[in-house]
Amino acid sequence: MVKLLVEQNVRAAFFHLTPDQRQVIFLRFIEGWKHKEIAKAIDKSVGAVKSIQKRGLSILQKKLILEKDGSDG
């Protein structure tokens, strides 16, 4: 039950990301791709991929903390 709630919260938070952020985070953490592989696949620099990833993870963290705390801002 707890695992299901966590999964639902992560899925909901995931949709607050831009398409690029979703793609980078999916490829990096679900598929296990390296930054260089992602950069080549999406035609961006490694630095851009790392920046997209960092911003996306920050958004996920904020959304998940808000969900945990019961806030909706």
C-alpha atoms as a PDB file:
ATOM      1  CA  MET A   1       0.000   0.000   0.000  1.00  0.00           C
ATOM      2  CA  VAL A   2       2.754   2.455   0.925  1.00  0.00           C
ATOM      3  CA  LYS A   3       4.710   1.525  -2.209  1.00  0.00           C
ATOM      4  CA  LEU A   4       1.635   2.232  -4.329  1.00  0.00           C
ATOM      5  CA  LEU A   5       1.198   5.663  -2.734  1.00  0.00           C
ATOM      6  CA  VAL A   6       4.858   6.496  -3.313  1.00  0.00           C
ATOM      7  CA  GLU A   7       4.586   5.424  -6.955  1.00  0.00           C
ATOM      8  CA  GLN A   8       1.451   7.531  -7.420  1.00  0.00           C
ATOM      9  CA  ASN A   9       3.142  10.575  -5.875  1.00  0.00           C
ATOM     10  CA  VAL A  10       6.221  10.152  -8.078  1.00  0.00           C
ATOM     11  CA  ARG A  11       4.080   9.759 -11.200  1.00  0.00           C
ATOM     12  CA  ALA A  12       2.070  12.876 -10.323  1.00  0.00           C
ATOM     13  CA  ALA A  13       5.240  14.872  -9.637  1.00  0.00           C
ATOM     14  CA  PHE A  14       6.772  13.629 -12.896  1.00  0.00           C
ATOM     15  CA  PHE A  15       4.113  15.468 -14.902  1.00  0.00           C
ATOM     16  CA  HIS A  16       5.255  18.813 -13.484  1.00  0.00           C
ATOM     17  CA  LEU A  17       8.467  18.411 -15.485  1.00  0.00           C
ATOM     18  CA  THR A  18       9.096  19.681 -18.982  1.00  0.00           C
ATOM     19  CA  PRO A  19       9.245  17.047 -21.727  1.00  0.00           C
ATOM     20  CA  ASP A  20      13.058  17.389 -21.843  1.00  0.00           C
ATOM     21  CA  GLN A  21      13.312  16.923 -18.078  1.00  0.00           C
ATOM     22  CA  ARG A  22      11.070  13.853 -18.169  1.00  0.00           C
ATOM     23  CA  GLN A  23      13.070  12.338 -21.013  1.00  0.00           C
ATOM     24  CA  VAL A  24      16.461  12.969 -19.408  1.00  0.00           C
ATOM     25  CA  ILE A  25      15.398  11.666 -15.997  1.00  0.00           C
ATOM     26  CA  PHE A  26      13.752   8.610 -17.534  1.00  0.00           C
ATOM     27  CA  LEU A  27      16.770   7.747 -19.650  1.00  0.00           C
ATOM     28  CA  ARG A  28      19.233   8.426 -16.841  1.00  0.00           C
ATOM     29  CA  PHE A  29      17.543   6.750 -13.879  1.00  0.00           C
ATOM     30  CA  ILE A  30      15.120   4.239 -15.386  1.00  0.00           C
ATOM     31  CA  GLU A  31      17.089   3.144 -18.450  1.00  0.00           C
ATOM     32  CA  GLY A  32      20.521   3.725 -16.891  1.00  0.00           C
ATOM     33  CA  TRP A  33      21.994   5.736 -19.758  1.00  0.00           C
ATOM     34  CA  LYS A  34      25.148   7.815 -19.304  1.00  0.00           C
ATOM     35  CA  HIS A  35      25.019  11.595 -19.750  1.00  0.00           C
ATOM     36  CA  LYS A  36      27.000  11.327 -22.984  1.00  0.00           C
ATOM     37  CA  GLU A  37      24.529   8.811 -24.455  1.00  0.00           C
ATOM     38  CA  ILE A  38      21.569  11.005 -23.552  1.00  0.00           C
ATOM     39  CA  ALA A  39      23.255  14.084 -25.016  1.00  0.00           C
ATOM     40  CA  LYS A  40      23.785  12.311 -28.316  1.00  0.00           C
ATOM     41  CA  ALA A  41      20.231  10.934 -28.388  1.00  0.00           C
ATOM     42  CA  ILE A  42      18.560  14.288 -27.738  1.00  0.00           C
ATOM     43  CA  ASP A  43      21.098  16.390 -29.641  1.00  0.00           C
ATOM     44  CA  LYS A  44      22.237  18.491 -26.693  1.00  0.00           C
ATOM     45  CA  SER A  45      25.554  18.971 -24.952  1.00  0.00           C
ATOM     46  CA  VAL A  46      26.485  16.914 -21.900  1.00  0.00           C
ATOM     47  CA  GLY A  47      26.391  20.140 -19.882  1.00  0.00           C
ATOM     48  CA  ALA A  48      22.846  20.845 -21.070  1.00  0.00           C
ATOM     49  CA  VAL A  49      21.771  17.303 -20.150  1.00  0.00           C
ATOM     50  CA  LYS A  50      23.234  17.695 -16.649  1.00  0.00           C
ATOM     51  CA  SER A  51      21.479  21.045 -16.256  1.00  0.00           C
ATOM     52  CA  ILE A  52      18.146  19.630 -17.439  1.00  0.00           C
ATOM     53  CA  GLN A  53      18.573  16.713 -15.038  1.00  0.00           C
ATOM     54  CA  LYS A  54      19.427  18.977 -12.105  1.00  0.00           C
ATOM     55  CA  ARG A  55      16.413  21.232 -12.669  1.00  0.00           C
ATOM     56  CA  GLY A  56      14.121  18.248 -13.116  1.00  0.00           C
ATOM     57  CA  LEU A  57      15.316  16.535  -9.945  1.00  0.00           C
ATOM     58  CA  SER A  58      14.898  19.785  -8.031  1.00  0.00           C
ATOM     59  CA  ILE A  59      11.280  20.059  -9.198  1.00  0.00           C
ATOM     60  CA  LEU A  60      10.603  16.421  -8.283  1.00  0.00           C
ATOM     61  CA  GLN A  61      12.124  16.924  -4.854  1.00  0.00           C
ATOM     62  CA  LYS A  62      10.019  20.022  -4.177  1.00  0.00           C
ATOM     63  CA  LYS A  63       6.814  18.378  -5.389  1.00  0.00           C
ATOM     64  CA  LEU A  64       7.420  15.208  -3.389  1.00  0.00           C
ATOM     65  CA  ILE A  65       8.270  17.130  -0.207  1.00  0.00           C
ATOM     66  CA  LEU A  66       5.096  19.178  -0.615  1.00  0.00           C
ATOM     67  CA  GLU A  67       3.064  15.999  -1.107  1.00  0.00           C
ATOM     68  CA  LYS A  68       4.655  14.443   1.986  1.00  0.00           C
ATOM     69  CA  ASP A  69       3.933  17.570   4.056  1.00  0.00           C
ATOM     70  CA  GLY A  70       0.381  17.787   2.750  1.00  0.00           C
ATOM     71  CA  SER A  71       0.932  21.183   1.169  1.00  0.00           C
ATOM     72  CA  ASP A  72      -0.378  22.020  -2.256  1.00  0.00           C
ATOM     73  CA  GLY A  73       1.677  25.097  -3.170  1.00  0.00           C
END
